[in-house]
Amino acid sequence: MKLLCAIFFLLLLCSVAKAEGMGRQVVPQAATPAAPSSSARSLFVLRCAGCHGMDGSGSKLGLVPDMRRLGNFLRLEGGREFLIQVPGVMGSGLDDAQVAAVSNWLLATVAKDSVPAEHKPYTAEEITRLRAKPLVDVAAARQALVAQGQALGITID
């Protein structure tokens, strides 16, 4: 009986979908809007803001780091490298040029007040080199940077 009811339900669902035009392939038209922008900001919104927030503030509850003071990492030995080697960047799905663009955009906008004056923007080549050396222990690397920052009076959130 249950099987008969399930088959009836599927047939009913298919007939409703067919009557409403569901399940048809959409044929691209010349007036179809262009694909979303691939600007650094757009990539941030699509790949990072879901966890870090549109303003980069992160979430203490979710243990998502605040990106508004990323520039403080640039003041520490190994901090520049760490920003690229964290799992969120390594597994972002962005290519090296896109990672460089998003990182540079973040540092120039969201984190601009924390960036040292001598900072040089990331390049795609640098990202390629850094991604080839993933961190073995992210927590230990971060804790070492926090300790280094404390010794220098630099706050790492």
C-alpha atoms as a PDB file:
ATOM      1  CA  MET A   1       0.000   0.000   0.000  1.00  0.00           C
ATOM      2  CA  LYS A   2       2.825   2.397   0.918  1.00  0.00           C
ATOM      3  CA  LEU A   3       4.525   1.673  -2.402  1.00  0.00           C
ATOM      4  CA  LEU A   4       1.305   2.371  -4.296  1.00  0.00           C
ATOM      5  CA  CYS A   5       0.875   5.706  -2.456  1.00  0.00           C
ATOM      6  CA  ALA A   6       4.487   6.671  -3.195  1.00  0.00           C
ATOM      7  CA  ILE A   7       4.073   5.927  -6.912  1.00  0.00           C
ATOM      8  CA  PHE A   8       0.815   7.903  -7.030  1.00  0.00           C
ATOM      9  CA  PHE A   9       2.503  10.858  -5.298  1.00  0.00           C
ATOM     10  CA  LEU A  10       5.432  10.828  -7.754  1.00  0.00           C
ATOM     11  CA  LEU A  11       3.073  10.697 -10.731  1.00  0.00           C
ATOM     12  CA  LEU A  12       1.075  13.602  -9.307  1.00  0.00           C
ATOM     13  CA  LEU A  13       4.254  15.594  -8.671  1.00  0.00           C
ATOM     14  CA  CYS A  14       5.520  14.976 -12.222  1.00  0.00           C
ATOM     15  CA  SER A  15       2.214  16.039 -13.774  1.00  0.00           C
ATOM     16  CA  VAL A  16       2.205  19.289 -11.731  1.00  0.00           C
ATOM     17  CA  ALA A  17       5.817  20.003 -12.694  1.00  0.00           C
ATOM     18  CA  LYS A  18       5.051  19.378 -16.372  1.00  0.00           C
ATOM     19  CA  ALA A  19       1.938  21.566 -16.254  1.00  0.00           C
ATOM     20  CA  GLU A  20       3.930  24.434 -14.704  1.00  0.00           C
ATOM     21  CA  GLY A  21       6.845  24.085 -17.143  1.00  0.00           C
ATOM     22  CA  MET A  22       9.264  22.885 -14.508  1.00  0.00           C
ATOM     23  CA  GLY A  23      12.175  20.709 -15.508  1.00  0.00           C
ATOM     24  CA  ARG A  24      12.746  22.394 -18.859  1.00  0.00           C
ATOM     25  CA  GLN A  25      16.237  23.451 -19.836  1.00  0.00           C
ATOM     26  CA  VAL A  26      16.739  27.200 -20.091  1.00  0.00           C
ATOM     27  CA  VAL A  27      18.120  28.198 -23.464  1.00  0.00           C
ATOM     28  CA  PRO A  28      20.664  31.056 -23.216  1.00  0.00           C
ATOM     29  CA  GLN A  29      19.562  34.228 -24.947  1.00  0.00           C
ATOM     30  CA  ALA A  30      21.639  37.113 -26.279  1.00  0.00           C
ATOM     31  CA  ALA A  31      20.095  39.363 -23.614  1.00  0.00           C
ATOM     32  CA  THR A  32      21.216  37.086 -20.763  1.00  0.00           C
ATOM     33  CA  PRO A  33      23.029  39.159 -18.121  1.00  0.00           C
ATOM     34  CA  ALA A  34      26.786  38.745 -17.861  1.00  0.00           C
ATOM     35  CA  ALA A  35      28.334  36.493 -15.238  1.00  0.00           C
ATOM     36  CA  PRO A  36      28.889  38.052 -11.824  1.00  0.00           C
ATOM     37  CA  SER A  37      31.907  40.310 -11.499  1.00  0.00           C
ATOM     38  CA  SER A  38      35.166  38.682 -10.540  1.00  0.00           C
ATOM     39  CA  SER A  39      36.443  41.778  -8.746  1.00  0.00           C
ATOM     40  CA  ALA A  40      38.331  41.214  -5.502  1.00  0.00           C
ATOM     41  CA  ARG A  41      35.379  42.562  -3.520  1.00  0.00           C
ATOM     42  CA  SER A  42      32.960  40.227  -5.315  1.00  0.00           C
ATOM     43  CA  LEU A  43      35.241  37.268  -4.655  1.00  0.00           C
ATOM     44  CA  PHE A  44      35.412  38.249  -0.979  1.00  0.00           C
ATOM     45  CA  VAL A  45      31.621  38.406  -0.799  1.00  0.00           C
ATOM     46  CA  LEU A  46      31.238  35.023  -2.529  1.00  0.00           C
ATOM     47  CA  ARG A  47      34.060  33.116  -0.816  1.00  0.00           C
ATOM     48  CA  CYS A  48      34.798  34.792   2.526  1.00  0.00           C
ATOM     49  CA  ALA A  49      31.954  36.960   3.814  1.00  0.00           C
ATOM     50  CA  GLY A  50      29.728  33.985   4.622  1.00  0.00           C
ATOM     51  CA  CYS A  51      31.952  33.247   7.618  1.00  0.00           C
ATOM     52  CA  HIS A  52      33.917  36.456   8.176  1.00  0.00           C
ATOM     53  CA  GLY A  53      30.967  38.803   7.588  1.00  0.00           C
ATOM     54  CA  MET A  54      30.648  41.604   5.073  1.00  0.00           C
ATOM     55  CA  ASP A  55      32.699  43.873   7.331  1.00  0.00           C
ATOM     56  CA  GLY A  56      35.321  41.201   8.072  1.00  0.00           C
ATOM     57  CA  SER A  57      34.492  41.146  11.792  1.00  0.00           C
ATOM     58  CA  GLY A  58      34.324  37.351  12.017  1.00  0.00           C
ATOM     59  CA  SER A  59      32.601  35.604  14.912  1.00  0.00           C
ATOM     60  CA  LYS A  60      33.963  34.900  18.385  1.00  0.00           C
ATOM     61  CA  LEU A  61      31.157  32.384  18.906  1.00  0.00           C
ATOM     62  CA  GLY A  62      32.093  30.532  15.708  1.00  0.00           C
ATOM     63  CA  LEU A  63      35.852  31.034  16.244  1.00  0.00           C
ATOM     64  CA  VAL A  64      36.048  32.870  12.908  1.00  0.00           C
ATOM     65  CA  PRO A  65      38.920  35.376  12.963  1.00  0.00           C
ATOM     66  CA  ASP A  66      38.371  39.123  12.687  1.00  0.00           C
ATOM     67  CA  MET A  67      39.966  40.353   9.460  1.00  0.00           C
ATOM     68  CA  ARG A  68      39.832  44.062  10.298  1.00  0.00           C
ATOM     69  CA  ARG A  69      43.314  43.991  11.842  1.00  0.00           C
ATOM     70  CA  LEU A  70      45.046  41.566   9.480  1.00  0.00           C
ATOM     71  CA  GLY A  71      47.781  44.143   8.936  1.00  0.00           C
ATOM     72  CA  ASN A  72      49.107  43.396  12.422  1.00  0.00           C
ATOM     73  CA  PHE A  73      50.259  39.990  11.139  1.00  0.00           C
ATOM     74  CA  LEU A  74      52.402  41.804   8.557  1.00  0.00           C
ATOM     75  CA  ARG A  75      54.400  43.315  11.422  1.00  0.00           C
ATOM     76  CA  LEU A  76      55.512  39.870  12.644  1.00  0.00           C
ATOM     77  CA  GLU A  77      58.123  37.472  11.315  1.00  0.00           C
ATOM     78  CA  GLY A  78      56.170  34.785   9.466  1.00  0.00           C
ATOM     79  CA  GLY A  79      52.885  36.678   9.696  1.00  0.00           C
ATOM     80  CA  ARG A  80      52.713  37.560   6.010  1.00  0.00           C
ATOM     81  CA  GLU A  81      53.132  33.905   5.100  1.00  0.00           C
ATOM     82  CA  PHE A  82      50.645  32.755   7.757  1.00  0.00           C
ATOM     83  CA  LEU A  83      47.832  34.861   6.267  1.00  0.00           C
ATOM     84  CA  ILE A  84      48.065  32.885   3.018  1.00  0.00           C
ATOM     85  CA  GLN A  85      48.761  29.460   4.524  1.00  0.00           C
ATOM     86  CA  VAL A  86      45.670  29.297   6.752  1.00  0.00           C
ATOM     87  CA  PRO A  87      43.130  26.637   5.742  1.00  0.00           C
ATOM     88  CA  GLY A  88      40.467  29.170   4.706  1.00  0.00           C
ATOM     89  CA  VAL A  89      42.766  30.648   2.071  1.00  0.00           C
ATOM     90  CA  MET A  90      44.359  27.367   1.044  1.00  0.00           C
ATOM     91  CA  GLY A  91      40.965  25.777   0.437  1.00  0.00           C
ATOM     92  CA  SER A  92      39.104  28.842  -0.800  1.00  0.00           C
ATOM     93  CA  GLY A  93      38.742  27.597  -4.359  1.00  0.00           C
ATOM     94  CA  LEU A  94      40.392  30.788  -5.627  1.00  0.00           C
ATOM     95  CA  ASP A  95      43.392  30.661  -7.911  1.00  0.00           C
ATOM     96  CA  ASP A  96      46.661  32.319  -6.889  1.00  0.00           C
ATOM     97  CA  ALA A  97      45.973  35.595  -8.713  1.00  0.00           C
ATOM     98  CA  GLN A  98      42.529  35.793  -7.111  1.00  0.00           C
ATOM     99  CA  VAL A  99      43.966  35.108  -3.638  1.00  0.00           C
ATOM    100  CA  ALA A 100      46.502  37.899  -4.187  1.00  0.00           C
ATOM    101  CA  ALA A 101      43.749  40.260  -5.367  1.00  0.00           C
ATOM    102  CA  VAL A 102      41.396  39.476  -2.467  1.00  0.00           C
ATOM    103  CA  SER A 103      44.207  39.658   0.104  1.00  0.00           C
ATOM    104  CA  ASN A 104      45.405  42.984  -1.266  1.00  0.00           C
ATOM    105  CA  TRP A 105      41.836  44.327  -1.377  1.00  0.00           C
ATOM    106  CA  LEU A 106      41.247  43.258   2.240  1.00  0.00           C
ATOM    107  CA  LEU A 107      44.456  44.901   3.402  1.00  0.00           C
ATOM    108  CA  ALA A 108      43.675  48.109   1.476  1.00  0.00           C
ATOM    109  CA  THR A 109      40.071  48.388   2.671  1.00  0.00           C
ATOM    110  CA  VAL A 110      38.835  46.253   5.561  1.00  0.00           C
ATOM    111  CA  ALA A 111      42.191  46.167   7.419  1.00  0.00           C
ATOM    112  CA  LYS A 112      43.718  49.415   6.134  1.00  0.00           C
ATOM    113  CA  ASP A 113      44.176  50.955   9.596  1.00  0.00           C
ATOM    114  CA  SER A 114      46.414  48.062  10.707  1.00  0.00           C
ATOM    115  CA  VAL A 115      48.665  47.761   7.643  1.00  0.00           C
ATOM    116  CA  PRO A 116      52.266  48.936   8.079  1.00  0.00           C
ATOM    117  CA  ALA A 117      53.421  51.727   5.764  1.00  0.00           C
ATOM    118  CA  GLU A 118      56.152  49.565   4.210  1.00  0.00           C
ATOM    119  CA  HIS A 119      53.723  46.801   3.187  1.00  0.00           C
ATOM    120  CA  LYS A 120      54.102  45.508  -0.363  1.00  0.00           C
ATOM    121  CA  PRO A 121      51.062  43.908  -2.039  1.00  0.00           C
ATOM    122  CA  TYR A 122      50.997  40.158  -2.564  1.00  0.00           C
ATOM    123  CA  THR A 123      51.705  38.830  -6.052  1.00  0.00           C
ATOM    124  CA  ALA A 124      50.284  35.697  -7.658  1.00  0.00           C
ATOM    125  CA  GLU A 125      53.814  34.250  -7.752  1.00  0.00           C
ATOM    126  CA  GLU A 126      54.218  34.764  -4.000  1.00  0.00           C
ATOM    127  CA  ILE A 127      50.850  33.095  -3.371  1.00  0.00           C
ATOM    128  CA  THR A 128      51.917  30.109  -5.506  1.00  0.00           C
ATOM    129  CA  ARG A 129      55.108  29.761  -3.468  1.00  0.00           C
ATOM    130  CA  LEU A 130      53.301  30.065  -0.113  1.00  0.00           C
ATOM    131  CA  ARG A 131      50.517  27.652  -1.011  1.00  0.00           C
ATOM    132  CA  ALA A 132      53.130  25.036  -1.873  1.00  0.00           C
ATOM    133  CA  LYS A 133      54.073  24.973   1.856  1.00  0.00           C
ATOM    134  CA  PRO A 134      50.854  24.382   3.844  1.00  0.00           C
ATOM    135  CA  LEU A 135      50.983  24.732   7.613  1.00  0.00           C
ATOM    136  CA  VAL A 136      51.293  21.466   9.488  1.00  0.00           C
ATOM    137  CA  ASP A 137      49.905  22.824  12.779  1.00  0.00           C
ATOM    138  CA  VAL A 138      47.839  25.979  12.238  1.00  0.00           C
ATOM    139  CA  ALA A 139      47.039  26.439  15.935  1.00  0.00           C
ATOM    140  CA  ALA A 140      50.706  26.238  16.961  1.00  0.00           C
ATOM    141  CA  ALA A 141      51.754  28.647  14.185  1.00  0.00           C
ATOM    142  CA  ARG A 142      49.066  31.108  15.243  1.00  0.00           C
ATOM    143  CA  GLN A 143      49.973  30.831  18.917  1.00  0.00           C
ATOM    144  CA  ALA A 144      53.628  31.527  18.087  1.00  0.00           C
ATOM    145  CA  LEU A 145      52.554  34.675  16.210  1.00  0.00           C
ATOM    146  CA  VAL A 146      50.311  35.753  19.093  1.00  0.00           C
ATOM    147  CA  ALA A 147      53.242  35.319  21.529  1.00  0.00           C
ATOM    148  CA  GLN A 148      55.569  37.218  19.188  1.00  0.00           C
ATOM    149  CA  GLY A 149      52.989  39.989  18.914  1.00  0.00           C
ATOM    150  CA  GLN A 150      52.566  40.195  22.683  1.00  0.00           C
ATOM    151  CA  ALA A 151      56.337  40.540  23.112  1.00  0.00           C
ATOM    152  CA  LEU A 152      56.282  43.454  20.634  1.00  0.00           C
ATOM    153  CA  GLY A 153      53.076  45.040  21.944  1.00  0.00           C
ATOM    154  CA  ILE A 154      51.113  44.066  18.820  1.00  0.00           C
ATOM    155  CA  THR A 155      47.635  42.669  19.355  1.00  0.00           C
ATOM    156  CA  ILE A 156      46.669  39.634  17.299  1.00  0.00           C
ATOM    157  CA  ASP A 157      42.972  38.831  17.680  1.00  0.00           C
END
